[in-house]
């Protein structure tokens, strides 16, 4: 199992585990498609790199304001 766990990651940032998983998945796809990692890492797996980037604060998100949608 990868450390930190999904529960530990949800404390770092993000309003839900779903948001965190989607953020990591999107960044992983970018890395697979050729984007350079934003951190120095020994890992070669895109998901591990994406999670490490999230932990170090290199990847963030903001929830759009959807008050007008009902």
PDB file of N, CA and C in Angstrom:
ATOM      1  N   UNK A   1       0.835  -1.173   0.000  1.00  0.00           N
ATOM      2  CA  UNK A   1       0.000   0.000   0.000  1.00  0.00           C
ATOM      3  C   UNK A   1       0.881   1.237   0.000  1.00  0.00           C
ATOM      4  N   UNK A   2       0.458   2.229  -0.746  1.00  0.00           N
ATOM      5  CA  UNK A   2       1.230   3.454  -0.871  1.00  0.00           C
ATOM      6  C   UNK A   2       1.073   4.304   0.382  1.00  0.00           C
ATOM      7  N   UNK A   3       2.148   4.891   0.818  1.00  0.00           N
ATOM      8  CA  UNK A   3       2.101   5.820   1.939  1.00  0.00           C
ATOM      9  C   UNK A   3       2.332   7.207   1.397  1.00  0.00           C
ATOM     10  N   UNK A   4       1.593   8.191   1.737  1.00  0.00           N
ATOM     11  CA  UNK A   4       0.499   8.199   2.691  1.00  0.00           C
ATOM     12  C   UNK A   4      -0.758   7.573   2.116  1.00  0.00           C
ATOM     13  N   UNK A   5      -1.628   7.115   3.006  1.00  0.00           N
ATOM     14  CA  UNK A   5      -2.879   6.499   2.576  1.00  0.00           C
ATOM     15  C   UNK A   5      -3.853   7.567   2.095  1.00  0.00           C
ATOM     16  N   UNK A   6      -4.926   7.137   1.463  1.00  0.00           N
ATOM     17  CA  UNK A   6      -5.925   8.075   0.960  1.00  0.00           C
ATOM     18  C   UNK A   6      -6.529   8.891   2.105  1.00  0.00           C
ATOM     19  N   UNK A   7      -6.685   8.277   3.275  1.00  0.00           N
ATOM     20  CA  UNK A   7      -7.229   9.017   4.422  1.00  0.00           C
ATOM     21  C   UNK A   7      -6.269  10.105   4.881  1.00  0.00           C
ATOM     22  N   UNK A   8      -4.983   9.816   4.878  1.00  0.00           N
ATOM     23  CA  UNK A   8      -3.993  10.821   5.263  1.00  0.00           C
ATOM     24  C   UNK A   8      -3.924  11.936   4.225  1.00  0.00           C
ATOM     25  N   UNK A   9      -4.067  11.579   2.953  1.00  0.00           N
ATOM     26  CA  UNK A   9      -4.036  12.582   1.898  1.00  0.00           C
ATOM     27  C   UNK A   9      -5.229  13.524   1.978  1.00  0.00           C
ATOM     28  N   UNK A  10      -6.371  13.010   2.376  1.00  0.00           N
ATOM     29  CA  UNK A  10      -7.559  13.862   2.440  1.00  0.00           C
ATOM     30  C   UNK A  10      -7.394  14.947   3.497  1.00  0.00           C
ATOM     31  N   UNK A  11      -6.527  14.731   4.472  1.00  0.00           N
ATOM     32  CA  UNK A  11      -6.250  15.757   5.474  1.00  0.00           C
ATOM     33  C   UNK A  11      -5.334  16.847   4.941  1.00  0.00           C
ATOM     34  N   UNK A  12      -4.532  16.514   3.919  1.00  0.00           N
ATOM     35  CA  UNK A  12      -3.593  17.476   3.348  1.00  0.00           C
ATOM     36  C   UNK A  12      -4.329  18.547   2.554  1.00  0.00           C
ATOM     37  N   UNK A  13      -5.241  18.131   1.753  1.00  0.00           N
ATOM     38  CA  UNK A  13      -5.974  19.082   0.931  1.00  0.00           C
ATOM     39  C   UNK A  13      -7.096  18.371   0.220  1.00  0.00           C
ATOM     40  N   UNK A  14      -8.081  19.099  -0.088  1.00  0.00           N
ATOM     41  CA  UNK A  14      -9.210  18.505  -0.772  1.00  0.00           C
ATOM     42  C   UNK A  14     -10.405  18.402   0.150  1.00  0.00           C
ATOM     43  N   UNK A  15     -11.543  18.535  -0.432  1.00  0.00           N
ATOM     44  CA  UNK A  15     -12.753  18.506   0.370  1.00  0.00           C
ATOM     45  C   UNK A  15     -13.391  17.126   0.406  1.00  0.00           C
ATOM     46  N   UNK A  16     -12.888  16.209  -0.420  1.00  0.00           N
ATOM     47  CA  UNK A  16     -13.403  14.843  -0.389  1.00  0.00           C
ATOM     48  C   UNK A  16     -12.373  13.897  -0.990  1.00  0.00           C
ATOM     49  N   UNK A  17     -12.526  12.633  -0.698  1.00  0.00           N
ATOM     50  CA  UNK A  17     -11.629  11.643  -1.290  1.00  0.00           C
ATOM     51  C   UNK A  17     -11.824  11.582  -2.796  1.00  0.00           C
ATOM     52  N   UNK A  18     -13.069  11.749  -3.237  1.00  0.00           N
ATOM     53  CA  UNK A  18     -13.353  11.727  -4.672  1.00  0.00           C
ATOM     54  C   UNK A  18     -12.553  12.814  -5.390  1.00  0.00           C
ATOM     55  N   UNK A  19     -12.558  14.019  -4.852  1.00  0.00           N
ATOM     56  CA  UNK A  19     -11.808  15.124  -5.457  1.00  0.00           C
ATOM     57  C   UNK A  19     -10.325  14.794  -5.518  1.00  0.00           C
ATOM     58  N   UNK A  20      -9.805  14.236  -4.458  1.00  0.00           N
ATOM     59  CA  UNK A  20      -8.397  13.874  -4.405  1.00  0.00           C
ATOM     60  C   UNK A  20      -8.054  12.816  -5.453  1.00  0.00           C
ATOM     61  N   UNK A  21      -8.904  11.807  -5.580  1.00  0.00           N
ATOM     62  CA  UNK A  21      -8.675  10.745  -6.565  1.00  0.00           C
ATOM     63  C   UNK A  21      -8.748  11.306  -7.974  1.00  0.00           C
ATOM     64  N   UNK A  22      -9.714  12.160  -8.240  1.00  0.00           N
ATOM     65  CA  UNK A  22      -9.838  12.755  -9.573  1.00  0.00           C
ATOM     66  C   UNK A  22      -8.632  13.639  -9.896  1.00  0.00           C
ATOM     67  N   UNK A  23      -8.152  14.378  -8.920  1.00  0.00           N
ATOM     68  CA  UNK A  23      -6.980  15.232  -9.108  1.00  0.00           C
ATOM     69  C   UNK A  23      -5.750  14.385  -9.441  1.00  0.00           C
ATOM     70  N   UNK A  24      -5.550  13.306  -8.689  1.00  0.00           N
ATOM     71  CA  UNK A  24      -4.406  12.425  -8.937  1.00  0.00           C
ATOM     72  C   UNK A  24      -4.535  11.736 -10.291  1.00  0.00           C
ATOM     73  N   UNK A  25      -5.739  11.311 -10.656  1.00  0.00           N
ATOM     74  CA  UNK A  25      -5.948  10.634 -11.940  1.00  0.00           C
ATOM     75  C   UNK A  25      -5.674  11.578 -13.109  1.00  0.00           C
ATOM     76  N   UNK A  26      -6.162  12.806 -13.007  1.00  0.00           N
ATOM     77  CA  UNK A  26      -5.947  13.770 -14.079  1.00  0.00           C
ATOM     78  C   UNK A  26      -4.459  14.074 -14.248  1.00  0.00           C
ATOM     79  N   UNK A  27      -3.774  14.294 -13.129  1.00  0.00           N
ATOM     80  CA  UNK A  27      -2.332  14.584 -13.202  1.00  0.00           C
ATOM     81  C   UNK A  27      -1.558  13.384 -13.713  1.00  0.00           C
ATOM     82  N   UNK A  28      -1.973  12.181 -13.320  1.00  0.00           N
ATOM     83  CA  UNK A  28      -1.317  10.958 -13.803  1.00  0.00           C
ATOM     84  C   UNK A  28      -1.417  10.846 -15.314  1.00  0.00           C
ATOM     85  N   UNK A  29      -2.598  11.148 -15.858  1.00  0.00           N
ATOM     86  CA  UNK A  29      -2.782  11.103 -17.312  1.00  0.00           C
ATOM     87  C   UNK A  29      -1.885  12.126 -18.012  1.00  0.00           C
ATOM     88  N   UNK A  30      -1.749  13.303 -17.413  1.00  0.00           N
ATOM     89  CA  UNK A  30      -0.866  14.322 -17.985  1.00  0.00           C
ATOM     90  C   UNK A  30       0.568  13.815 -18.039  1.00  0.00           C
ATOM     91  N   UNK A  31       1.003  13.146 -16.979  1.00  0.00           N
ATOM     92  CA  UNK A  31       2.370  12.611 -16.932  1.00  0.00           C
ATOM     93  C   UNK A  31       2.547  11.518 -17.982  1.00  0.00           C
ATOM     94  N   UNK A  32       1.560  10.642 -18.108  1.00  0.00           N
ATOM     95  CA  UNK A  32       1.620   9.581 -19.120  1.00  0.00           C
ATOM     96  C   UNK A  32       1.690  10.180 -20.524  1.00  0.00           C
ATOM     97  N   UNK A  33       0.978  11.293 -20.735  1.00  0.00           N
ATOM     98  CA  UNK A  33       0.961  11.941 -22.048  1.00  0.00           C
ATOM     99  C   UNK A  33       2.201  12.774 -22.325  1.00  0.00           C
ATOM    100  N   UNK A  34       3.152  12.818 -21.380  1.00  0.00           N
ATOM    101  CA  UNK A  34       4.420  13.473 -21.655  1.00  0.00           C
ATOM    102  C   UNK A  34       4.762  14.672 -20.800  1.00  0.00           C
ATOM    103  N   UNK A  35       3.897  15.062 -19.881  1.00  0.00           N
ATOM    104  CA  UNK A  35       4.208  16.199 -19.012  1.00  0.00           C
ATOM    105  C   UNK A  35       5.360  15.831 -18.082  1.00  0.00           C
ATOM    106  N   UNK A  36       6.204  16.807 -17.821  1.00  0.00           N
ATOM    107  CA  UNK A  36       7.335  16.593 -16.924  1.00  0.00           C
ATOM    108  C   UNK A  36       6.859  16.641 -15.473  1.00  0.00           C
ATOM    109  N   UNK A  37       7.392  15.772 -14.618  1.00  0.00           N
ATOM    110  CA  UNK A  37       7.057  15.851 -13.187  1.00  0.00           C
ATOM    111  C   UNK A  37       7.499  17.184 -12.604  1.00  0.00           C
ATOM    112  N   UNK A  38       6.737  17.688 -11.658  1.00  0.00           N
ATOM    113  CA  UNK A  38       7.038  18.966 -11.025  1.00  0.00           C
ATOM    114  C   UNK A  38       7.975  18.823  -9.838  1.00  0.00           C
ATOM    115  N   UNK A  39       8.365  17.584  -9.530  1.00  0.00           N
ATOM    116  CA  UNK A  39       9.231  17.307  -8.394  1.00  0.00           C
ATOM    117  C   UNK A  39      10.315  16.330  -8.820  1.00  0.00           C
ATOM    118  N   UNK A  40      11.356  16.275  -8.026  1.00  0.00           N
ATOM    119  CA  UNK A  40      12.380  15.251  -8.202  1.00  0.00           C
ATOM    120  C   UNK A  40      11.923  14.018  -7.430  1.00  0.00           C
ATOM    121  N   UNK A  41      11.884  12.867  -8.089  1.00  0.00           N
ATOM    122  CA  UNK A  41      11.423  11.656  -7.439  1.00  0.00           C
ATOM    123  C   UNK A  41      12.135  10.446  -8.008  1.00  0.00           C
ATOM    124  N   UNK A  42      12.193   9.411  -7.197  1.00  0.00           N
ATOM    125  CA  UNK A  42      12.781   8.159  -7.652  1.00  0.00           C
ATOM    126  C   UNK A  42      11.736   7.273  -8.320  1.00  0.00           C
ATOM    127  N   UNK A  43      10.482   7.600  -8.134  1.00  0.00           N
ATOM    128  CA  UNK A  43       9.397   6.797  -8.673  1.00  0.00           C
ATOM    129  C   UNK A  43       9.286   6.968 -10.185  1.00  0.00           C
ATOM    130  N   UNK A  44       8.879   5.908 -10.847  1.00  0.00           N
ATOM    131  CA  UNK A  44       8.657   5.983 -12.286  1.00  0.00           C
ATOM    132  C   UNK A  44       7.184   5.795 -12.631  1.00  0.00           C
ATOM    133  N   UNK A  45       6.364   5.537 -11.633  1.00  0.00           N
ATOM    134  CA  UNK A  45       4.941   5.297 -11.867  1.00  0.00           C
ATOM    135  C   UNK A  45       4.180   6.629 -11.806  1.00  0.00           C
ATOM    136  N   UNK A  46       3.354   6.885 -12.825  1.00  0.00           N
ATOM    137  CA  UNK A  46       2.670   8.180 -12.890  1.00  0.00           C
ATOM    138  C   UNK A  46       1.764   8.473 -11.699  1.00  0.00           C
ATOM    139  N   UNK A  47       1.054   7.483 -11.177  1.00  0.00           N
ATOM    140  CA  UNK A  47       0.169   7.718 -10.039  1.00  0.00           C
ATOM    141  C   UNK A  47       0.990   8.087  -8.804  1.00  0.00           C
ATOM    142  N   UNK A  48       2.091   7.405  -8.582  1.00  0.00           N
ATOM    143  CA  UNK A  48       2.953   7.718  -7.439  1.00  0.00           C
ATOM    144  C   UNK A  48       3.527   9.121  -7.557  1.00  0.00           C
ATOM    145  N   UNK A  49       3.931   9.495  -8.763  1.00  0.00           N
ATOM    146  CA  UNK A  49       4.465  10.839  -8.979  1.00  0.00           C
ATOM    147  C   UNK A  49       3.387  11.878  -8.707  1.00  0.00           C
ATOM    148  N   UNK A  50       2.180  11.644  -9.215  1.00  0.00           N
ATOM    149  CA  UNK A  50       1.082  12.582  -9.005  1.00  0.00           C
ATOM    150  C   UNK A  50       0.765  12.737  -7.526  1.00  0.00           C
ATOM    151  N   UNK A  51       0.729  11.647  -6.789  1.00  0.00           N
ATOM    152  CA  UNK A  51       0.446  11.716  -5.358  1.00  0.00           C
ATOM    153  C   UNK A  51       1.551  12.475  -4.628  1.00  0.00           C
ATOM    154  N   UNK A  52       2.801  12.235  -4.992  1.00  0.00           N
ATOM    155  CA  UNK A  52       3.906  12.956  -4.366  1.00  0.00           C
ATOM    156  C   UNK A  52       3.801  14.454  -4.657  1.00  0.00           C
ATOM    157  N   UNK A  53       3.390  14.808  -5.878  1.00  0.00           N
ATOM    158  CA  UNK A  53       3.217  16.220  -6.220  1.00  0.00           C
ATOM    159  C   UNK A  53       2.109  16.852  -5.373  1.00  0.00           C
ATOM    160  N   UNK A  54       1.033  16.118  -5.157  1.00  0.00           N
ATOM    161  CA  UNK A  54      -0.068  16.629  -4.329  1.00  0.00           C
ATOM    162  C   UNK A  54       0.398  16.820  -2.892  1.00  0.00           C
ATOM    163  N   UNK A  55       1.130  15.841  -2.363  1.00  0.00           N
ATOM    164  CA  UNK A  55       1.624  15.920  -0.984  1.00  0.00           C
ATOM    165  C   UNK A  55       2.539  17.128  -0.804  1.00  0.00           C
ATOM    166  N   UNK A  56       3.374  17.411  -1.799  1.00  0.00           N
ATOM    167  CA  UNK A  56       4.309  18.538  -1.699  1.00  0.00           C
ATOM    168  C   UNK A  56       3.662  19.877  -2.037  1.00  0.00           C
ATOM    169  N   UNK A  57       2.385  19.862  -2.403  1.00  0.00           N
ATOM    170  CA  UNK A  57       1.680  21.109  -2.672  1.00  0.00           C
ATOM    171  C   UNK A  57       1.903  21.682  -4.055  1.00  0.00           C
ATOM    172  N   UNK A  58       2.453  20.909  -4.970  1.00  0.00           N
ATOM    173  CA  UNK A  58       2.706  21.395  -6.327  1.00  0.00           C
ATOM    174  C   UNK A  58       1.451  21.356  -7.196  1.00  0.00           C
ATOM    175  N   UNK A  59       0.486  20.527  -6.817  1.00  0.00           N
ATOM    176  CA  UNK A  59      -0.772  20.400  -7.549  1.00  0.00           C
ATOM    177  C   UNK A  59      -1.890  20.824  -6.609  1.00  0.00           C
ATOM    178  N   UNK A  60      -2.684  21.782  -7.046  1.00  0.00           N
ATOM    179  CA  UNK A  60      -3.810  22.249  -6.248  1.00  0.00           C
ATOM    180  C   UNK A  60      -5.045  22.332  -7.136  1.00  0.00           C
ATOM    181  N   UNK A  61      -6.155  22.636  -6.538  1.00  0.00           N
ATOM    182  CA  UNK A  61      -7.392  22.822  -7.273  1.00  0.00           C
ATOM    183  C   UNK A  61      -8.233  23.850  -6.536  1.00  0.00           C
ATOM    184  N   UNK A  62      -9.245  24.324  -7.211  1.00  0.00           N
ATOM    185  CA  UNK A  62     -10.244  25.149  -6.537  1.00  0.00           C
ATOM    186  C   UNK A  62     -11.608  24.714  -7.041  1.00  0.00           C
ATOM    187  N   UNK A  63     -12.526  24.648  -6.134  1.00  0.00           N
ATOM    188  CA  UNK A  63     -13.883  24.244  -6.481  1.00  0.00           C
ATOM    189  C   UNK A  63     -14.585  25.461  -7.080  1.00  0.00           C
ATOM    190  N   UNK A  64     -15.167  25.293  -8.280  1.00  0.00           N
ATOM    191  CA  UNK A  64     -15.838  26.436  -8.904  1.00  0.00           C
ATOM    192  C   UNK A  64     -17.086  26.843  -8.119  1.00  0.00           C
ATOM    193  N   UNK A  65     -17.404  28.095  -8.207  1.00  0.00           N
ATOM    194  CA  UNK A  65     -18.594  28.619  -7.545  1.00  0.00           C
ATOM    195  C   UNK A  65     -19.812  28.239  -8.375  1.00  0.00           C
ATOM    196  N   UNK A  66     -20.665  27.399  -7.822  1.00  0.00           N
ATOM    197  CA  UNK A  66     -21.826  26.919  -8.579  1.00  0.00           C
ATOM    198  C   UNK A  66     -23.142  27.312  -7.904  1.00  0.00           C
ATOM    199  N   UNK A  67     -23.151  28.419  -7.223  1.00  0.00           N
ATOM    200  CA  UNK A  67     -24.362  28.857  -6.519  1.00  0.00           C
ATOM    201  C   UNK A  67     -25.516  29.126  -7.465  1.00  0.00           C
ATOM    202  N   UNK A  68     -25.223  29.514  -8.698  1.00  0.00           N
ATOM    203  CA  UNK A  68     -26.279  29.839  -9.651  1.00  0.00           C
ATOM    204  C   UNK A  68     -26.942  28.619 -10.267  1.00  0.00           C
ATOM    205  N   UNK A  69     -26.355  27.447 -10.121  1.00  0.00           N
ATOM    206  CA  UNK A  69     -26.906  26.234 -10.713  1.00  0.00           C
ATOM    207  C   UNK A  69     -27.828  25.580  -9.695  1.00  0.00           C
ATOM    208  N   UNK A  70     -29.050  25.242 -10.129  1.00  0.00           N
ATOM    209  CA  UNK A  70     -29.999  24.592  -9.224  1.00  0.00           C
ATOM    210  C   UNK A  70     -30.443  23.275  -9.780  1.00  0.00           C
TER     211      UNK A  70
END
